[in-house]
Amino acid sequence: MKHRIITISREFGSGGRTIGKKVAEALGISCYDNELIQKIAAESGFDENYILDTGEDAPGGFLASAFSHRASGPNNADYLWRVQFKVITDLAEKESCVIVGRCADYILRGKADLLRVFIHADFDVRAKRIVTVYGERGESPEQRLRDKDKWRAAYHRFYTNMKWGYAQNYDLTLNSGTLGIDRCAEIIQSLY
C-alpha cells in the first residue's frame, strides 16, 4: 500500500516550513525538512554544512557546480541529488509524512499517494517575515528573497525539467500572506 505524502514547495519567507510542521503535528505524522539534510549527510558521508552549501537554495554552491565541469561527468551536486532521491523515496516507502522542499514533489510522482502543495506570498509579506521571524538583517530582505527564489527555481528546473512554482505542477497552491499560516495548514489537513 502506498503511503500518503504531502510535499510542500515554497517561496522563501512564505512560511512553508512552518506550515509543513503544523500539518504534520496535527495529523500525527513526521515532517522532514532539516531532518532530510541529516539523513542525506548520513547516507552520503558529506558534512551537513556542505550539503546546505550546495543545496537547493545555496548561493554559488549548486549553480556553480551544476554548470561547471559537466564534460568530465557527474560532480558532487549530482551525487547528492542521487542520495537525496534515494532518501526521499525510502521515506515515502516507510511512512506517511510531510516533506518540505528538495524536489520531493518530482521525486515521488507515481511512487506515493501524493498531495503536492506550493506555498507563496506577496513579496512585501515575505520580506517582512524574513526580518521578523528569521531575523535576517545582513543584506536587504528584498535581494535575499530574489536570490533564494532564483536558486531554488534553478535547482528545481535543472534536476526536474519542471518550472518551480508553476501552478500546473502542483495539486494545490496557497497564498500564505492572504490566508495566513494557520489557515493554509488547516486547508492542507482537510485534504489529507
C-alpha atoms as a PDB file:
ATOM      1  CA  MET A   1       0.000   0.000   0.000  1.00  0.00           C
ATOM      2  CA  LYS A   2       1.248   3.475  -0.855  1.00  0.00           C
ATOM      3  CA  HIS A   3       1.708   5.911   1.996  1.00  0.00           C
ATOM      4  CA  ARG A   4       0.084   9.359   1.875  1.00  0.00           C
ATOM      5  CA  ILE A   5       2.770  12.001   1.392  1.00  0.00           C
ATOM      6  CA  ILE A   6       2.361  15.765   1.406  1.00  0.00           C
ATOM      7  CA  THR A   7       5.129  17.670  -0.337  1.00  0.00           C
ATOM      8  CA  ILE A   8       5.490  21.366   0.279  1.00  0.00           C
ATOM      9  CA  SER A   9       7.438  23.531  -2.124  1.00  0.00           C
ATOM     10  CA  ARG A  10       7.654  27.148  -1.119  1.00  0.00           C
ATOM     11  CA  GLU A  11       8.906  30.601  -1.859  1.00  0.00           C
ATOM     12  CA  PHE A  12      11.493  31.790   0.621  1.00  0.00           C
ATOM     13  CA  GLY A  13       9.806  33.586   3.503  1.00  0.00           C
ATOM     14  CA  SER A  14       6.314  32.307   2.732  1.00  0.00           C
ATOM     15  CA  GLY A  15       6.146  30.103   5.838  1.00  0.00           C
ATOM     16  CA  GLY A  16       6.134  26.777   4.002  1.00  0.00           C
ATOM     17  CA  ARG A  17       8.350  25.096   6.581  1.00  0.00           C
ATOM     18  CA  THR A  18       6.133  26.298   9.438  1.00  0.00           C
ATOM     19  CA  ILE A  19       3.009  25.192   7.594  1.00  0.00           C
ATOM     20  CA  GLY A  20       4.522  21.765   6.944  1.00  0.00           C
ATOM     21  CA  LYS A  21       5.368  21.305  10.614  1.00  0.00           C
ATOM     22  CA  LYS A  22       1.869  22.387  11.699  1.00  0.00           C
ATOM     23  CA  VAL A  23       0.235  19.992   9.231  1.00  0.00           C
ATOM     24  CA  ALA A  24       2.404  17.076  10.335  1.00  0.00           C
ATOM     25  CA  GLU A  25       1.790  17.773  14.017  1.00  0.00           C
ATOM     26  CA  ALA A  26      -1.982  17.983  13.534  1.00  0.00           C
ATOM     27  CA  LEU A  27      -2.016  14.745  11.519  1.00  0.00           C
ATOM     28  CA  GLY A  28       0.348  12.904  13.855  1.00  0.00           C
ATOM     29  CA  ILE A  29       2.905  12.194  11.132  1.00  0.00           C
ATOM     30  CA  SER A  30       6.554  13.148  10.661  1.00  0.00           C
ATOM     31  CA  CYS A  31       7.725  16.300   8.912  1.00  0.00           C
ATOM     32  CA  TYR A  32      11.033  16.192   7.081  1.00  0.00           C
ATOM     33  CA  ASP A  33      12.839  19.416   6.335  1.00  0.00           C
ATOM     34  CA  ASN A  34      16.201  19.900   8.025  1.00  0.00           C
ATOM     35  CA  GLU A  35      15.921  16.249   9.021  1.00  0.00           C
ATOM     36  CA  LEU A  36      16.452  15.423   5.339  1.00  0.00           C
ATOM     37  CA  ILE A  37      19.844  17.125   5.482  1.00  0.00           C
ATOM     38  CA  GLN A  38      20.825  14.865   8.378  1.00  0.00           C
ATOM     39  CA  LYS A  39      19.672  11.765   6.501  1.00  0.00           C
ATOM     40  CA  ILE A  40      21.439  12.811   3.301  1.00  0.00           C
ATOM     41  CA  ALA A  41      24.620  13.500   5.275  1.00  0.00           C
ATOM     42  CA  ALA A  42      24.474  10.089   6.924  1.00  0.00           C
ATOM     43  CA  GLU A  43      23.878   8.349   3.595  1.00  0.00           C
ATOM     44  CA  SER A  44      26.426  10.328   1.554  1.00  0.00           C
ATOM     45  CA  GLY A  45      29.226  10.803   4.063  1.00  0.00           C
ATOM     46  CA  PHE A  46      29.241  14.546   3.387  1.00  0.00           C
ATOM     47  CA  ASP A  47      29.082  17.061   6.231  1.00  0.00           C
ATOM     48  CA  GLU A  48      25.659  18.657   6.814  1.00  0.00           C
ATOM     49  CA  ASN A  49      27.106  22.132   6.252  1.00  0.00           C
ATOM     50  CA  TYR A  50      28.500  21.059   2.888  1.00  0.00           C
ATOM     51  CA  ILE A  51      25.075  19.753   1.872  1.00  0.00           C
ATOM     52  CA  LEU A  52      23.463  23.027   2.917  1.00  0.00           C
ATOM     53  CA  ASP A  53      26.126  24.952   0.988  1.00  0.00           C
ATOM     54  CA  THR A  54      25.424  23.012  -2.223  1.00  0.00           C
ATOM     55  CA  GLY A  55      21.661  22.544  -1.842  1.00  0.00           C
ATOM     56  CA  GLU A  56      18.506  23.823  -3.456  1.00  0.00           C
ATOM     57  CA  ASP A  57      18.863  27.425  -2.321  1.00  0.00           C
ATOM     58  CA  ALA A  58      22.589  27.794  -1.785  1.00  0.00           C
ATOM     59  CA  PRO A  59      24.359  30.771  -3.361  1.00  0.00           C
ATOM     60  CA  GLY A  60      27.010  29.678  -5.772  1.00  0.00           C
ATOM     61  CA  GLY A  61      27.105  26.126  -4.447  1.00  0.00           C
ATOM     62  CA  PHE A  62      24.620  24.359  -6.661  1.00  0.00           C
ATOM     63  CA  LEU A  63      24.633  26.791  -9.555  1.00  0.00           C
ATOM     64  CA  ALA A  64      28.401  26.965  -9.716  1.00  0.00           C
ATOM     65  CA  SER A  65      28.880  23.215  -9.580  1.00  0.00           C
ATOM     66  CA  ALA A  66      25.905  22.286 -11.747  1.00  0.00           C
ATOM     67  CA  PHE A  67      27.154  24.064 -14.817  1.00  0.00           C
ATOM     68  CA  SER A  68      30.894  23.585 -14.423  1.00  0.00           C
ATOM     69  CA  HIS A  69      32.968  20.602 -15.451  1.00  0.00           C
ATOM     70  CA  ARG A  70      29.971  18.770 -16.937  1.00  0.00           C
ATOM     71  CA  ALA A  71      32.186  17.332 -19.654  1.00  0.00           C
ATOM     72  CA  SER A  72      34.110  15.329 -17.070  1.00  0.00           C
ATOM     73  CA  GLY A  73      30.979  13.602 -15.769  1.00  0.00           C
ATOM     74  CA  PRO A  74      28.857  13.814 -12.626  1.00  0.00           C
ATOM     75  CA  ASN A  75      30.008  16.050  -9.793  1.00  0.00           C
ATOM     76  CA  ASN A  76      29.238  16.244  -6.058  1.00  0.00           C
ATOM     77  CA  ALA A  77      25.927  18.023  -6.693  1.00  0.00           C
ATOM     78  CA  ASP A  78      24.837  15.140  -8.925  1.00  0.00           C
ATOM     79  CA  TYR A  79      25.920  12.592  -6.342  1.00  0.00           C
ATOM     80  CA  LEU A  80      23.985  14.443  -3.619  1.00  0.00           C
ATOM     81  CA  TRP A  81      20.931  14.554  -5.912  1.00  0.00           C
ATOM     82  CA  ARG A  82      21.044  10.752  -6.248  1.00  0.00           C
ATOM     83  CA  VAL A  83      21.384  10.336  -2.472  1.00  0.00           C
ATOM     84  CA  GLN A  84      18.560  12.827  -1.888  1.00  0.00           C
ATOM     85  CA  PHE A  85      16.395  10.937  -4.398  1.00  0.00           C
ATOM     86  CA  LYS A  86      17.027   7.673  -2.546  1.00  0.00           C
ATOM     87  CA  VAL A  87      16.444   9.137   0.936  1.00  0.00           C
ATOM     88  CA  ILE A  88      13.126  10.721  -0.094  1.00  0.00           C
ATOM     89  CA  THR A  89      11.973   7.593  -1.918  1.00  0.00           C
ATOM     90  CA  ASP A  90      12.874   5.417   1.090  1.00  0.00           C
ATOM     91  CA  LEU A  91      10.929   7.711   3.447  1.00  0.00           C
ATOM     92  CA  ALA A  92       7.839   7.505   1.237  1.00  0.00           C
ATOM     93  CA  GLU A  93       8.028   3.724   1.248  1.00  0.00           C
ATOM     94  CA  LYS A  94       8.228   3.589   5.059  1.00  0.00           C
ATOM     95  CA  GLU A  95       5.674   6.100   6.298  1.00  0.00           C
ATOM     96  CA  SER A  96       3.133   8.785   5.598  1.00  0.00           C
ATOM     97  CA  CYS A  97       4.762  12.167   6.143  1.00  0.00           C
ATOM     98  CA  VAL A  98       5.215  15.776   5.104  1.00  0.00           C
ATOM     99  CA  ILE A  99       8.342  16.594   3.103  1.00  0.00           C
ATOM    100  CA  VAL A 100       9.388  20.225   2.683  1.00  0.00           C
ATOM    101  CA  GLY A 101      11.377  21.166  -0.399  1.00  0.00           C
ATOM    102  CA  ARG A 102      14.180  19.147  -2.016  1.00  0.00           C
ATOM    103  CA  CYS A 103      12.128  18.437  -5.179  1.00  0.00           C
ATOM    104  CA  ALA A 104      10.117  15.776  -3.325  1.00  0.00           C
ATOM    105  CA  ASP A 105       7.084  16.668  -5.477  1.00  0.00           C
ATOM    106  CA  TYR A 106       9.022  15.497  -8.529  1.00  0.00           C
ATOM    107  CA  ILE A 107      10.883  12.593  -6.917  1.00  0.00           C
ATOM    108  CA  LEU A 108       7.700  10.955  -5.588  1.00  0.00           C
ATOM    109  CA  ARG A 109       5.428  11.348  -8.600  1.00  0.00           C
ATOM    110  CA  GLY A 110       3.868   7.963  -9.268  1.00  0.00           C
ATOM    111  CA  LYS A 111       5.531   6.439  -6.195  1.00  0.00           C
ATOM    112  CA  ALA A 112       3.159   7.570  -3.451  1.00  0.00           C
ATOM    113  CA  ASP A 113      -0.337   8.833  -2.775  1.00  0.00           C
ATOM    114  CA  LEU A 114       0.848  12.388  -3.173  1.00  0.00           C
ATOM    115  CA  LEU A 115      -0.524  15.843  -2.385  1.00  0.00           C
ATOM    116  CA  ARG A 116       1.809  18.415  -3.986  1.00  0.00           C
ATOM    117  CA  VAL A 117       1.497  21.865  -2.408  1.00  0.00           C
ATOM    118  CA  PHE A 118       3.146  25.166  -3.306  1.00  0.00           C
ATOM    119  CA  ILE A 119       3.145  27.991  -0.732  1.00  0.00           C
ATOM    120  CA  HIS A 120       3.682  31.562  -1.883  1.00  0.00           C
ATOM    121  CA  ALA A 121       3.040  35.084  -0.635  1.00  0.00           C
ATOM    122  CA  ASP A 122       3.377  38.627  -1.861  1.00  0.00           C
ATOM    123  CA  PHE A 123       6.902  39.989  -1.904  1.00  0.00           C
ATOM    124  CA  ASP A 124       6.361  42.560   0.864  1.00  0.00           C
ATOM    125  CA  VAL A 125       4.798  39.956   3.168  1.00  0.00           C
ATOM    126  CA  ARG A 126       7.768  37.643   2.683  1.00  0.00           C
ATOM    127  CA  ALA A 127      10.282  40.465   3.176  1.00  0.00           C
ATOM    128  CA  LYS A 128       8.671  41.386   6.477  1.00  0.00           C
ATOM    129  CA  ARG A 129       8.551  37.734   7.564  1.00  0.00           C
ATOM    130  CA  ILE A 130      12.235  37.026   6.977  1.00  0.00           C
ATOM    131  CA  VAL A 131      13.145  40.016   9.126  1.00  0.00           C
ATOM    132  CA  THR A 132      10.647  39.423  11.961  1.00  0.00           C
ATOM    133  CA  VAL A 133      10.620  35.619  12.053  1.00  0.00           C
ATOM    134  CA  TYR A 134      14.026  34.615  10.704  1.00  0.00           C
ATOM    135  CA  GLY A 135      15.952  37.635  11.949  1.00  0.00           C
ATOM    136  CA  GLU A 136      17.503  38.249   8.508  1.00  0.00           C
ATOM    137  CA  ARG A 137      19.383  41.522   8.569  1.00  0.00           C
ATOM    138  CA  GLY A 138      22.666  41.158   6.676  1.00  0.00           C
ATOM    139  CA  GLU A 139      21.568  42.266   3.221  1.00  0.00           C
ATOM    140  CA  SER A 140      18.357  43.806   2.011  1.00  0.00           C
ATOM    141  CA  PRO A 141      15.467  41.394   2.572  1.00  0.00           C
ATOM    142  CA  GLU A 142      14.294  42.034  -0.970  1.00  0.00           C
ATOM    143  CA  GLN A 143      17.601  40.940  -2.501  1.00  0.00           C
ATOM    144  CA  ARG A 144      17.765  37.904  -0.229  1.00  0.00           C
ATOM    145  CA  LEU A 145      14.264  36.863  -1.380  1.00  0.00           C
ATOM    146  CA  ARG A 146      15.169  37.286  -5.037  1.00  0.00           C
ATOM    147  CA  ASP A 147      18.386  35.292  -4.642  1.00  0.00           C
ATOM    148  CA  LYS A 148      16.884  32.398  -2.667  1.00  0.00           C
ATOM    149  CA  ASP A 149      13.937  32.059  -5.044  1.00  0.00           C
ATOM    150  CA  LYS A 150      16.271  32.230  -8.058  1.00  0.00           C
ATOM    151  CA  TRP A 151      18.485  29.440  -6.647  1.00  0.00           C
ATOM    152  CA  ARG A 152      15.509  27.244  -5.760  1.00  0.00           C
ATOM    153  CA  ALA A 153      13.982  27.723  -9.203  1.00  0.00           C
ATOM    154  CA  ALA A 154      17.278  26.928 -10.961  1.00  0.00           C
ATOM    155  CA  TYR A 155      17.874  23.826  -8.845  1.00  0.00           C
ATOM    156  CA  HIS A 156      14.334  22.562  -9.436  1.00  0.00           C
ATOM    157  CA  ARG A 157      14.498  23.233 -13.175  1.00  0.00           C
ATOM    158  CA  PHE A 158      17.940  21.620 -13.547  1.00  0.00           C
ATOM    159  CA  TYR A 159      17.031  18.323 -11.868  1.00  0.00           C
ATOM    160  CA  THR A 160      13.344  18.054 -12.784  1.00  0.00           C
ATOM    161  CA  ASN A 161      12.992  19.970 -16.055  1.00  0.00           C
ATOM    162  CA  MET A 162       9.854  21.468 -14.500  1.00  0.00           C
ATOM    163  CA  LYS A 163       9.107  25.097 -13.716  1.00  0.00           C
ATOM    164  CA  TRP A 164       9.220  25.695  -9.954  1.00  0.00           C
ATOM    165  CA  GLY A 165       6.108  27.473  -8.677  1.00  0.00           C
ATOM    166  CA  TYR A 166       4.128  26.857 -11.868  1.00  0.00           C
ATOM    167  CA  ALA A 167       0.576  26.113 -10.671  1.00  0.00           C
ATOM    168  CA  GLN A 168       0.007  23.230 -13.100  1.00  0.00           C
ATOM    169  CA  ASN A 169       2.838  21.275 -11.419  1.00  0.00           C
ATOM    170  CA  TYR A 170       1.021  21.190  -8.065  1.00  0.00           C
ATOM    171  CA  ASP A 171      -2.282  19.945  -6.726  1.00  0.00           C
ATOM    172  CA  LEU A 172      -2.722  22.999  -4.528  1.00  0.00           C
ATOM    173  CA  THR A 173      -1.175  26.467  -4.368  1.00  0.00           C
ATOM    174  CA  LEU A 174      -1.835  28.669  -1.350  1.00  0.00           C
ATOM    175  CA  ASN A 175      -1.053  32.312  -0.638  1.00  0.00           C
ATOM    176  CA  SER A 176       0.053  32.337   2.990  1.00  0.00           C
ATOM    177  CA  GLY A 177       0.136  36.119   3.032  1.00  0.00           C
ATOM    178  CA  THR A 178      -3.578  36.302   2.273  1.00  0.00           C
ATOM    179  CA  LEU A 179      -4.793  33.153   4.029  1.00  0.00           C
ATOM    180  CA  GLY A 180      -2.370  33.112   6.953  1.00  0.00           C
ATOM    181  CA  ILE A 181      -0.143  30.286   8.142  1.00  0.00           C
ATOM    182  CA  ASP A 182      -2.772  28.543  10.284  1.00  0.00           C
ATOM    183  CA  ARG A 183      -5.474  28.620   7.589  1.00  0.00           C
ATOM    184  CA  CYS A 184      -3.063  27.189   4.999  1.00  0.00           C
ATOM    185  CA  ALA A 185      -2.254  24.350   7.411  1.00  0.00           C
ATOM    186  CA  GLU A 186      -5.976  23.707   8.001  1.00  0.00           C
ATOM    187  CA  ILE A 187      -6.702  23.546   4.257  1.00  0.00           C
ATOM    188  CA  ILE A 188      -3.891  21.079   3.649  1.00  0.00           C
ATOM    189  CA  GLN A 189      -5.008  18.933   6.620  1.00  0.00           C
ATOM    190  CA  SER A 190      -8.562  18.860   5.259  1.00  0.00           C
ATOM    191  CA  LEU A 191      -7.267  17.298   2.020  1.00  0.00           C
ATOM    192  CA  TYR A 192      -5.300  14.558   3.754  1.00  0.00           C
END
